[in-house]
C-alpha atoms as a PDB file:
ATOM      1  CA  UNK A   1     -52.439  14.755 -49.212  1.00  0.00           C
ATOM      2  CA  UNK A   2     -51.106  18.300 -48.851  1.00  0.00           C
ATOM      3  CA  UNK A   3     -48.357  19.411 -51.222  1.00  0.00           C
ATOM      4  CA  UNK A   4     -46.993  21.887 -48.647  1.00  0.00           C
ATOM      5  CA  UNK A   5     -43.341  21.622 -47.640  1.00  0.00           C
ATOM      6  CA  UNK A   6     -42.991  18.949 -44.971  1.00  0.00           C
ATOM      7  CA  UNK A   7     -40.848  19.393 -41.867  1.00  0.00           C
ATOM      8  CA  UNK A   8     -39.353  16.845 -39.496  1.00  0.00           C
ATOM      9  CA  UNK A   9     -40.446  17.009 -35.858  1.00  0.00           C
ATOM     10  CA  UNK A  10     -37.071  18.382 -34.719  1.00  0.00           C
ATOM     11  CA  UNK A  11     -34.945  20.363 -34.128  1.00  0.00           C
ATOM     12  CA  UNK A  12     -37.199  22.781 -32.273  1.00  0.00           C
ATOM     13  CA  UNK A  13     -36.183  26.062 -33.882  1.00  0.00           C
ATOM     14  CA  UNK A  14     -39.438  27.861 -33.088  1.00  0.00           C
ATOM     15  CA  UNK A  15     -41.137  27.275 -29.759  1.00  0.00           C
ATOM     16  CA  UNK A  16     -44.491  28.830 -28.922  1.00  0.00           C
ATOM     17  CA  UNK A  17     -45.451  29.193 -25.262  1.00  0.00           C
ATOM     18  CA  UNK A  18     -49.085  29.696 -24.265  1.00  0.00           C
ATOM     19  CA  UNK A  19     -49.164  31.965 -21.222  1.00  0.00           C
ATOM     20  CA  UNK A  20     -51.870  33.329 -18.946  1.00  0.00           C
ATOM     21  CA  UNK A  21     -51.877  35.516 -15.864  1.00  0.00           C
ATOM     22  CA  UNK A  22     -51.969  32.642 -13.389  1.00  0.00           C
ATOM     23  CA  UNK A  23     -49.880  31.914 -10.274  1.00  0.00           C
ATOM     24  CA  UNK A  24     -47.694  29.676 -12.460  1.00  0.00           C
ATOM     25  CA  UNK A  25     -46.710  32.311 -15.026  1.00  0.00           C
ATOM     26  CA  UNK A  26     -43.236  32.816 -13.548  1.00  0.00           C
ATOM     27  CA  UNK A  27     -42.576  29.066 -13.534  1.00  0.00           C
ATOM     28  CA  UNK A  28     -43.761  28.791 -17.159  1.00  0.00           C
ATOM     29  CA  UNK A  29     -41.360  31.575 -18.175  1.00  0.00           C
ATOM     30  CA  UNK A  30     -38.489  29.962 -16.261  1.00  0.00           C
ATOM     31  CA  UNK A  31     -39.175  26.691 -18.098  1.00  0.00           C
ATOM     32  CA  UNK A  32     -39.325  28.633 -21.380  1.00  0.00           C
ATOM     33  CA  UNK A  33     -35.882  30.078 -20.731  1.00  0.00           C
ATOM     34  CA  UNK A  34     -34.467  26.607 -20.085  1.00  0.00           C
ATOM     35  CA  UNK A  35     -36.025  25.275 -23.292  1.00  0.00           C
ATOM     36  CA  UNK A  36     -34.604  28.240 -25.201  1.00  0.00           C
ATOM     37  CA  UNK A  37     -31.118  27.438 -23.925  1.00  0.00           C
ATOM     38  CA  UNK A  38     -31.412  23.694 -24.571  1.00  0.00           C
ATOM     39  CA  UNK A  39     -32.652  24.028 -28.147  1.00  0.00           C
ATOM     40  CA  UNK A  40     -31.233  27.465 -29.061  1.00  0.00           C
ATOM     41  CA  UNK A  41     -34.726  28.360 -30.230  1.00  0.00           C
ATOM     42  CA  UNK A  42     -36.754  31.443 -30.938  1.00  0.00           C
ATOM     43  CA  UNK A  43     -39.576  31.771 -28.398  1.00  0.00           C
ATOM     44  CA  UNK A  44     -43.014  33.072 -29.374  1.00  0.00           C
ATOM     45  CA  UNK A  45     -45.203  33.923 -26.382  1.00  0.00           C
ATOM     46  CA  UNK A  46     -48.945  33.792 -26.952  1.00  0.00           C
ATOM     47  CA  UNK A  47     -51.558  35.326 -24.673  1.00  0.00           C
ATOM     48  CA  UNK A  48     -55.235  35.282 -25.598  1.00  0.00           C
ATOM     49  CA  UNK A  49     -57.335  37.865 -23.791  1.00  0.00           C
ATOM     50  CA  UNK A  50     -57.982  41.572 -23.395  1.00  0.00           C
ATOM     51  CA  UNK A  51     -54.906  43.739 -23.057  1.00  0.00           C
ATOM     52  CA  UNK A  52     -54.494  46.219 -20.209  1.00  0.00           C
ATOM     53  CA  UNK A  53     -51.565  48.566 -19.615  1.00  0.00           C
ATOM     54  CA  UNK A  54     -50.953  47.029 -16.187  1.00  0.00           C
ATOM     55  CA  UNK A  55     -50.815  43.477 -17.533  1.00  0.00           C
ATOM     56  CA  UNK A  56     -48.659  44.511 -20.472  1.00  0.00           C
ATOM     57  CA  UNK A  57     -46.110  46.205 -18.200  1.00  0.00           C
ATOM     58  CA  UNK A  58     -46.107  43.234 -15.814  1.00  0.00           C
ATOM     59  CA  UNK A  59     -45.501  40.778 -18.640  1.00  0.00           C
ATOM     60  CA  UNK A  60     -42.708  42.874 -20.119  1.00  0.00           C
ATOM     61  CA  UNK A  61     -41.120  43.002 -16.656  1.00  0.00           C
ATOM     62  CA  UNK A  62     -41.265  39.211 -16.355  1.00  0.00           C
ATOM     63  CA  UNK A  63     -39.868  38.644 -19.849  1.00  0.00           C
ATOM     64  CA  UNK A  64     -36.946  40.951 -19.012  1.00  0.00           C
ATOM     65  CA  UNK A  65     -36.393  39.199 -15.676  1.00  0.00           C
ATOM     66  CA  UNK A  66     -36.069  35.825 -17.395  1.00  0.00           C
ATOM     67  CA  UNK A  67     -33.988  37.231 -20.283  1.00  0.00           C
ATOM     68  CA  UNK A  68     -36.699  36.505 -22.820  1.00  0.00           C
ATOM     69  CA  UNK A  69     -37.175  40.030 -24.183  1.00  0.00           C
ATOM     70  CA  UNK A  70     -34.517  39.817 -26.886  1.00  0.00           C
ATOM     71  CA  UNK A  71     -35.244  40.861 -30.457  1.00  0.00           C
ATOM     72  CA  UNK A  72     -35.295  37.233 -31.630  1.00  0.00           C
ATOM     73  CA  UNK A  73     -38.317  36.507 -29.429  1.00  0.00           C
ATOM     74  CA  UNK A  74     -41.887  37.627 -30.016  1.00  0.00           C
ATOM     75  CA  UNK A  75     -44.999  38.381 -27.958  1.00  0.00           C
ATOM     76  CA  UNK A  76     -48.382  37.911 -29.635  1.00  0.00           C
ATOM     77  CA  UNK A  77     -51.431  39.178 -27.751  1.00  0.00           C
ATOM     78  CA  UNK A  78     -54.829  38.514 -29.311  1.00  0.00           C
ATOM     79  CA  UNK A  79     -58.475  38.031 -28.395  1.00  0.00           C
ATOM     80  CA  UNK A  80     -60.811  35.196 -29.297  1.00  0.00           C
ATOM     81  CA  UNK A  81     -61.253  31.511 -28.584  1.00  0.00           C
ATOM     82  CA  UNK A  82     -57.989  30.478 -26.852  1.00  0.00           C
ATOM     83  CA  UNK A  83     -57.619  27.082 -28.517  1.00  0.00           C
ATOM     84  CA  UNK A  84     -58.477  28.217 -32.031  1.00  0.00           C
ATOM     85  CA  UNK A  85     -56.349  31.367 -31.792  1.00  0.00           C
ATOM     86  CA  UNK A  86     -53.298  29.561 -30.409  1.00  0.00           C
ATOM     87  CA  UNK A  87     -53.487  26.907 -33.111  1.00  0.00           C
ATOM     88  CA  UNK A  88     -53.959  29.569 -35.784  1.00  0.00           C
ATOM     89  CA  UNK A  89     -50.883  31.461 -34.570  1.00  0.00           C
ATOM     90  CA  UNK A  90     -48.812  28.280 -34.446  1.00  0.00           C
ATOM     91  CA  UNK A  91     -49.704  27.592 -38.068  1.00  0.00           C
ATOM     92  CA  UNK A  92     -48.969  31.163 -39.178  1.00  0.00           C
ATOM     93  CA  UNK A  93     -45.618  31.229 -37.357  1.00  0.00           C
ATOM     94  CA  UNK A  94     -44.654  27.704 -38.499  1.00  0.00           C
ATOM     95  CA  UNK A  95     -44.059  26.639 -34.898  1.00  0.00           C
ATOM     96  CA  UNK A  96     -42.155  23.406 -34.212  1.00  0.00           C
ATOM     97  CA  UNK A  97     -43.138  22.938 -30.559  1.00  0.00           C
ATOM     98  CA  UNK A  98     -46.038  24.350 -28.549  1.00  0.00           C
ATOM     99  CA  UNK A  99     -45.601  24.513 -24.767  1.00  0.00           C
ATOM    100  CA  UNK A 100     -48.489  24.709 -22.303  1.00  0.00           C
ATOM    101  CA  UNK A 101     -49.049  24.153 -18.614  1.00  0.00           C
ATOM    102  CA  UNK A 102     -51.388  21.383 -17.474  1.00  0.00           C
ATOM    103  CA  UNK A 103     -53.006  20.123 -14.306  1.00  0.00           C
ATOM    104  CA  UNK A 104     -51.924  16.712 -13.069  1.00  0.00           C
ATOM    105  CA  UNK A 105     -55.567  15.807 -12.607  1.00  0.00           C
ATOM    106  CA  UNK A 106     -58.761  17.506 -13.614  1.00  0.00           C
ATOM    107  CA  UNK A 107     -62.229  17.149 -12.197  1.00  0.00           C
ATOM    108  CA  UNK A 108     -64.546  14.882 -14.180  1.00  0.00           C
ATOM    109  CA  UNK A 109     -66.490  17.924 -15.386  1.00  0.00           C
ATOM    110  CA  UNK A 110     -63.414  19.663 -16.726  1.00  0.00           C
ATOM    111  CA  UNK A 111     -62.142  16.425 -18.249  1.00  0.00           C
ATOM    112  CA  UNK A 112     -65.261  15.893 -20.335  1.00  0.00           C
ATOM    113  CA  UNK A 113     -65.556  19.559 -21.240  1.00  0.00           C
ATOM    114  CA  UNK A 114     -61.842  19.751 -21.998  1.00  0.00           C
ATOM    115  CA  UNK A 115     -59.348  22.259 -20.612  1.00  0.00           C
ATOM    116  CA  UNK A 116     -57.491  24.618 -22.923  1.00  0.00           C
ATOM    117  CA  UNK A 117     -54.267  22.616 -22.531  1.00  0.00           C
ATOM    118  CA  UNK A 118     -55.925  19.304 -23.279  1.00  0.00           C
ATOM    119  CA  UNK A 119     -57.844  20.642 -26.259  1.00  0.00           C
ATOM    120  CA  UNK A 120     -54.587  22.016 -27.623  1.00  0.00           C
ATOM    121  CA  UNK A 121     -53.036  18.614 -27.101  1.00  0.00           C
ATOM    122  CA  UNK A 122     -55.777  16.897 -29.088  1.00  0.00           C
ATOM    123  CA  UNK A 123     -55.876  19.403 -31.958  1.00  0.00           C
ATOM    124  CA  UNK A 124     -52.332  20.716 -32.424  1.00  0.00           C
ATOM    125  CA  UNK A 125     -50.628  20.026 -35.750  1.00  0.00           C
ATOM    126  CA  UNK A 126     -47.179  20.651 -34.337  1.00  0.00           C
ATOM    127  CA  UNK A 127     -45.470  18.826 -31.492  1.00  0.00           C
ATOM    128  CA  UNK A 128     -46.649  19.863 -28.041  1.00  0.00           C
ATOM    129  CA  UNK A 129     -45.083  19.787 -24.587  1.00  0.00           C
ATOM    130  CA  UNK A 130     -47.382  19.791 -21.576  1.00  0.00           C
ATOM    131  CA  UNK A 131     -45.670  20.808 -18.351  1.00  0.00           C
ATOM    132  CA  UNK A 132     -47.267  19.068 -15.403  1.00  0.00           C
ATOM    133  CA  UNK A 133     -45.508  21.000 -12.643  1.00  0.00           C
ATOM    134  CA  UNK A 134     -43.466  23.895 -14.077  1.00  0.00           C
ATOM    135  CA  UNK A 135     -40.856  25.159 -11.610  1.00  0.00           C
ATOM    136  CA  UNK A 136     -38.716  28.256 -11.353  1.00  0.00           C
ATOM    137  CA  UNK A 137     -35.724  26.240 -10.160  1.00  0.00           C
ATOM    138  CA  UNK A 138     -34.057  24.103 -12.805  1.00  0.00           C
ATOM    139  CA  UNK A 139     -34.912  20.405 -12.801  1.00  0.00           C
ATOM    140  CA  UNK A 140     -32.901  17.912 -14.870  1.00  0.00           C
ATOM    141  CA  UNK A 141     -34.435  15.563 -17.411  1.00  0.00           C
ATOM    142  CA  UNK A 142     -32.829  12.234 -16.547  1.00  0.00           C
ATOM    143  CA  UNK A 143     -35.371   9.562 -17.551  1.00  0.00           C
ATOM    144  CA  UNK A 144     -37.420   9.630 -20.747  1.00  0.00           C
ATOM    145  CA  UNK A 145     -40.099   7.085 -21.605  1.00  0.00           C
ATOM    146  CA  UNK A 146     -41.123   6.879 -25.268  1.00  0.00           C
ATOM    147  CA  UNK A 147     -43.721   4.950 -27.231  1.00  0.00           C
ATOM    148  CA  UNK A 148     -42.398   2.135 -29.397  1.00  0.00           C
ATOM    149  CA  UNK A 149     -45.664   0.947 -30.949  1.00  0.00           C
ATOM    150  CA  UNK A 150     -45.967  -0.533 -34.442  1.00  0.00           C
ATOM    151  CA  UNK A 151     -46.975   2.689 -36.192  1.00  0.00           C
ATOM    152  CA  UNK A 152     -45.437   4.657 -39.089  1.00  0.00           C
ATOM    153  CA  UNK A 153     -45.156   7.666 -36.744  1.00  0.00           C
ATOM    154  CA  UNK A 154     -43.066   5.816 -34.172  1.00  0.00           C
ATOM    155  CA  UNK A 155     -39.740   6.277 -35.969  1.00  0.00           C
ATOM    156  CA  UNK A 156     -40.136  10.077 -35.758  1.00  0.00           C
ATOM    157  CA  UNK A 157     -41.290   9.892 -32.150  1.00  0.00           C
ATOM    158  CA  UNK A 158     -38.310   7.800 -31.058  1.00  0.00           C
ATOM    159  CA  UNK A 159     -35.856   9.953 -33.019  1.00  0.00           C
ATOM    160  CA  UNK A 160     -37.283  13.062 -31.381  1.00  0.00           C
ATOM    161  CA  UNK A 161     -37.123  11.536 -27.890  1.00  0.00           C
ATOM    162  CA  UNK A 162     -33.460  10.615 -28.488  1.00  0.00           C
ATOM    163  CA  UNK A 163     -32.767  14.137 -29.782  1.00  0.00           C
ATOM    164  CA  UNK A 164     -34.379  15.707 -26.705  1.00  0.00           C
ATOM    165  CA  UNK A 165     -32.493  13.315 -24.440  1.00  0.00           C
ATOM    166  CA  UNK A 166     -29.136  14.238 -25.952  1.00  0.00           C
ATOM    167  CA  UNK A 167     -29.844  17.977 -25.883  1.00  0.00           C
ATOM    168  CA  UNK A 168     -30.984  17.795 -22.245  1.00  0.00           C
ATOM    169  CA  UNK A 169     -28.122  15.470 -21.198  1.00  0.00           C
ATOM    170  CA  UNK A 170     -30.519  12.788 -19.997  1.00  0.00           C
ATOM    171  CA  UNK A 171     -29.293   9.435 -18.710  1.00  0.00           C
ATOM    172  CA  UNK A 172     -31.864   6.869 -19.824  1.00  0.00           C
ATOM    173  CA  UNK A 173     -34.473   6.421 -22.529  1.00  0.00           C
ATOM    174  CA  UNK A 174     -36.984   3.605 -22.107  1.00  0.00           C
ATOM    175  CA  UNK A 175     -38.699   2.517 -25.337  1.00  0.00           C
ATOM    176  CA  UNK A 176     -41.966   0.759 -24.503  1.00  0.00           C
ATOM    177  CA  UNK A 177     -43.807  -1.622 -26.802  1.00  0.00           C
ATOM    178  CA  UNK A 178     -47.334  -2.213 -25.568  1.00  0.00           C
ATOM    179  CA  UNK A 179     -48.954  -5.530 -26.448  1.00  0.00           C
ATOM    180  CA  UNK A 180     -52.710  -5.097 -26.472  1.00  0.00           C
ATOM    181  CA  UNK A 181     -54.184  -8.379 -25.229  1.00  0.00           C
ATOM    182  CA  UNK A 182     -57.611  -7.273 -26.435  1.00  0.00           C
ATOM    183  CA  UNK A 183     -56.297  -6.742 -29.964  1.00  0.00           C
ATOM    184  CA  UNK A 184     -54.619 -10.147 -29.945  1.00  0.00           C
ATOM    185  CA  UNK A 185     -57.899 -11.722 -28.825  1.00  0.00           C
ATOM    186  CA  UNK A 186     -59.630 -10.360 -31.950  1.00  0.00           C
ATOM    187  CA  UNK A 187     -57.529 -12.571 -34.219  1.00  0.00           C
ATOM    188  CA  UNK A 188     -60.078 -14.977 -35.666  1.00  0.00           C
ATOM    189  CA  UNK A 189     -59.836 -18.398 -34.121  1.00  0.00           C
ATOM    190  CA  UNK A 190     -61.888 -19.904 -36.969  1.00  0.00           C
ATOM    191  CA  UNK A 191     -59.039 -19.122 -39.375  1.00  0.00           C
ATOM    192  CA  UNK A 192     -56.283 -20.782 -37.338  1.00  0.00           C
ATOM    193  CA  UNK A 193     -55.931 -23.956 -35.334  1.00  0.00           C
ATOM    194  CA  UNK A 194     -54.715 -23.449 -31.747  1.00  0.00           C
ATOM    195  CA  UNK A 195     -51.116 -24.145 -32.716  1.00  0.00           C
ATOM    196  CA  UNK A 196     -51.353 -21.920 -35.789  1.00  0.00           C
ATOM    197  CA  UNK A 197     -52.860 -19.137 -33.678  1.00  0.00           C
ATOM    198  CA  UNK A 198     -49.983 -19.222 -31.220  1.00  0.00           C
ATOM    199  CA  UNK A 199     -47.490 -19.225 -34.101  1.00  0.00           C
ATOM    200  CA  UNK A 200     -49.288 -16.296 -35.732  1.00  0.00           C
ATOM    201  CA  UNK A 201     -49.233 -14.241 -32.532  1.00  0.00           C
ATOM    202  CA  UNK A 202     -45.566 -15.038 -32.002  1.00  0.00           C
ATOM    203  CA  UNK A 203     -44.825 -13.939 -35.571  1.00  0.00           C
ATOM    204  CA  UNK A 204     -46.551 -10.598 -34.929  1.00  0.00           C
ATOM    205  CA  UNK A 205     -44.446 -10.045 -31.808  1.00  0.00           C
ATOM    206  CA  UNK A 206     -41.201 -10.910 -33.616  1.00  0.00           C
ATOM    207  CA  UNK A 207     -42.036  -8.569 -36.514  1.00  0.00           C
ATOM    208  CA  UNK A 208     -42.784  -5.694 -34.135  1.00  0.00           C
ATOM    209  CA  UNK A 209     -39.590  -6.271 -32.132  1.00  0.00           C
ATOM    210  CA  UNK A 210     -37.523  -6.417 -35.335  1.00  0.00           C
ATOM    211  CA  UNK A 211     -39.045  -3.150 -36.611  1.00  0.00           C
ATOM    212  CA  UNK A 212     -38.176  -1.438 -33.338  1.00  0.00           C
ATOM    213  CA  UNK A 213     -34.622  -2.785 -33.407  1.00  0.00           C
ATOM    214  CA  UNK A 214     -34.207  -1.465 -36.960  1.00  0.00           C
ATOM    215  CA  UNK A 215     -35.322   2.003 -35.834  1.00  0.00           C
ATOM    216  CA  UNK A 216     -32.881   2.015 -32.915  1.00  0.00           C
ATOM    217  CA  UNK A 217     -30.043   0.687 -35.079  1.00  0.00           C
ATOM    218  CA  UNK A 218     -30.467   3.661 -37.419  1.00  0.00           C
ATOM    219  CA  UNK A 219     -30.683   6.239 -34.621  1.00  0.00           C
ATOM    220  CA  UNK A 220     -27.648   7.986 -33.146  1.00  0.00           C
ATOM    221  CA  UNK A 221     -28.234   7.628 -29.403  1.00  0.00           C
ATOM    222  CA  UNK A 222     -25.009   9.318 -28.342  1.00  0.00           C
ATOM    223  CA  UNK A 223     -24.226   8.533 -24.720  1.00  0.00           C
ATOM    224  CA  UNK A 224     -27.809   7.721 -23.796  1.00  0.00           C
ATOM    225  CA  UNK A 225     -28.638   4.362 -22.263  1.00  0.00           C
ATOM    226  CA  UNK A 226     -31.517   3.019 -24.350  1.00  0.00           C
ATOM    227  CA  UNK A 227     -33.639   0.268 -22.815  1.00  0.00           C
ATOM    228  CA  UNK A 228     -36.516  -1.568 -24.498  1.00  0.00           C
ATOM    229  CA  UNK A 229     -39.470  -3.154 -22.723  1.00  0.00           C
ATOM    230  CA  UNK A 230     -42.461  -5.068 -24.069  1.00  0.00           C
ATOM    231  CA  UNK A 231     -45.443  -4.888 -21.733  1.00  0.00           C
ATOM    232  CA  UNK A 232     -48.898  -6.393 -22.018  1.00  0.00           C
ATOM    233  CA  UNK A 233     -51.973  -4.308 -21.289  1.00  0.00           C
ATOM    234  CA  UNK A 234     -54.114  -1.460 -22.539  1.00  0.00           C
ATOM    235  CA  UNK A 235     -52.055   0.844 -24.779  1.00  0.00           C
ATOM    236  CA  UNK A 236     -51.751   4.268 -23.200  1.00  0.00           C
ATOM    237  CA  UNK A 237     -52.440   3.055 -19.693  1.00  0.00           C
ATOM    238  CA  UNK A 238     -49.456   0.696 -19.626  1.00  0.00           C
ATOM    239  CA  UNK A 239     -46.889   3.257 -20.753  1.00  0.00           C
ATOM    240  CA  UNK A 240     -48.294   5.973 -18.469  1.00  0.00           C
ATOM    241  CA  UNK A 241     -48.143   3.606 -15.519  1.00  0.00           C
ATOM    242  CA  UNK A 242     -44.567   2.609 -16.437  1.00  0.00           C
ATOM    243  CA  UNK A 243     -43.546   6.287 -16.564  1.00  0.00           C
ATOM    244  CA  UNK A 244     -45.070   6.892 -13.144  1.00  0.00           C
ATOM    245  CA  UNK A 245     -43.519   3.807 -11.521  1.00  0.00           C
ATOM    246  CA  UNK A 246     -40.075   4.599 -12.931  1.00  0.00           C
ATOM    247  CA  UNK A 247     -40.317   8.293 -11.970  1.00  0.00           C
ATOM    248  CA  UNK A 248     -39.796   9.467 -15.531  1.00  0.00           C
ATOM    249  CA  UNK A 249     -39.249  13.148 -16.193  1.00  0.00           C
ATOM    250  CA  UNK A 250     -40.743  13.065 -19.684  1.00  0.00           C
ATOM    251  CA  UNK A 251     -43.210  10.808 -21.503  1.00  0.00           C
ATOM    252  CA  UNK A 252     -43.096  10.986 -25.317  1.00  0.00           C
ATOM    253  CA  UNK A 253     -46.033   9.704 -27.386  1.00  0.00           C
ATOM    254  CA  UNK A 254     -47.201   9.625 -30.999  1.00  0.00           C
ATOM    255  CA  UNK A 255     -49.832  12.150 -31.973  1.00  0.00           C
ATOM    256  CA  UNK A 256     -53.351  10.709 -32.362  1.00  0.00           C
ATOM    257  CA  UNK A 257     -54.084   9.203 -35.773  1.00  0.00           C
ATOM    258  CA  UNK A 258     -57.519  10.790 -35.858  1.00  0.00           C
ATOM    259  CA  UNK A 259     -59.330  13.636 -34.168  1.00  0.00           C
ATOM    260  CA  UNK A 260     -60.476  12.672 -30.705  1.00  0.00           C
ATOM    261  CA  UNK A 261     -64.107  13.178 -29.736  1.00  0.00           C
ATOM    262  CA  UNK A 262     -66.342  12.614 -26.715  1.00  0.00           C
ATOM    263  CA  UNK A 263     -66.531   8.864 -27.356  1.00  0.00           C
ATOM    264  CA  UNK A 264     -62.733   8.672 -27.208  1.00  0.00           C
ATOM    265  CA  UNK A 265     -62.885  10.155 -23.734  1.00  0.00           C
ATOM    266  CA  UNK A 266     -65.586   7.724 -22.600  1.00  0.00           C
ATOM    267  CA  UNK A 267     -63.801   4.770 -24.233  1.00  0.00           C
ATOM    268  CA  UNK A 268     -60.278   6.180 -24.076  1.00  0.00           C
ATOM    269  CA  UNK A 269     -57.998   6.533 -27.045  1.00  0.00           C
ATOM    270  CA  UNK A 270     -54.420   5.542 -26.101  1.00  0.00           C
ATOM    271  CA  UNK A 271     -53.330   9.120 -25.418  1.00  0.00           C
ATOM    272  CA  UNK A 272     -56.270   9.901 -23.161  1.00  0.00           C
ATOM    273  CA  UNK A 273     -54.847   7.857 -20.278  1.00  0.00           C
ATOM    274  CA  UNK A 274     -51.873  10.204 -20.105  1.00  0.00           C
ATOM    275  CA  UNK A 275     -54.013  13.306 -20.523  1.00  0.00           C
ATOM    276  CA  UNK A 276     -56.403  12.322 -17.734  1.00  0.00           C
ATOM    277  CA  UNK A 277     -53.666  11.758 -15.151  1.00  0.00           C
ATOM    278  CA  UNK A 278     -50.257  13.032 -16.220  1.00  0.00           C
ATOM    279  CA  UNK A 279     -47.468  10.886 -14.790  1.00  0.00           C
ATOM    280  CA  UNK A 280     -44.863  13.538 -15.705  1.00  0.00           C
ATOM    281  CA  UNK A 281     -44.279  16.151 -18.400  1.00  0.00           C
ATOM    282  CA  UNK A 282     -45.816  14.942 -21.662  1.00  0.00           C
ATOM    283  CA  UNK A 283     -44.529  15.509 -25.189  1.00  0.00           C
ATOM    284  CA  UNK A 284     -46.707  14.535 -28.142  1.00  0.00           C
ATOM    285  CA  UNK A 285     -44.850  14.312 -31.431  1.00  0.00           C
ATOM    286  CA  UNK A 286     -46.560  15.444 -34.582  1.00  0.00           C
ATOM    287  CA  UNK A 287     -44.235  14.912 -37.516  1.00  0.00           C
ATOM    288  CA  UNK A 288     -44.999  16.966 -40.573  1.00  0.00           C
ATOM    289  CA  UNK A 289     -43.085  14.516 -42.772  1.00  0.00           C
ATOM    290  CA  UNK A 290     -45.410  11.648 -41.942  1.00  0.00           C
ATOM    291  CA  UNK A 291     -47.947  10.473 -44.492  1.00  0.00           C
ATOM    292  CA  UNK A 292     -51.574  11.008 -43.647  1.00  0.00           C
ATOM    293  CA  UNK A 293     -53.068   7.989 -41.917  1.00  0.00           C
END
């Protein structure tokens, strides 16, 4: 395990924003300005590609327009592989939150090959916010859905979701525990009688509910309404579907425990359901105080 200084996942004091010269650049900058106000953060803008005088002047104009050209902010313009360069810069700058735009859906080809935003999401070692539909006009964050799974990372993920909710003056936070029926089915029936098996499964549920209640009891929720739900189904799919049905503004998930590969996208890892079809803006929490799993 690394002996480097560990950091909690929040507050977001340094926010990096990956930008490109696309039709959505103005919306991305408008969202960046709102994030800067909410978290009182330094913003580091990252563009990977060749630099031209015309593009440089245009970008400076936009940064001035959105009041993001102050001395506390920074523009980094480099060439190379976009994913590797952005991640390298985030590490060098000790970034707390990386922000990137994302498509709600991608074609099957792009999904398997991996877009820049999705590759960043899978590889980033800091928290990442994927904006599904960035807008120039301000949109409130009222409903937040957050993962409540039985995982050492979950405490940091819930704490961060609550922090974001309070900073953004949200109304509701829904903490979702997903009960994987397939995982329950793997419990060996040759070890337990039918009655013992039911008791064992019930004990698992009670332990998980108690752990979640302990986390919430130790978290200052301010004026937020915090609701808990336990839903049965495939982890990742269930929570994404819940976020969509309840018109959530933000879905907050744990970072993957391991690096995702092609097999994870054929037989989806929990997070891949959200990445394949974003129900709303997605925040993936990578806590640098967590132990390596």
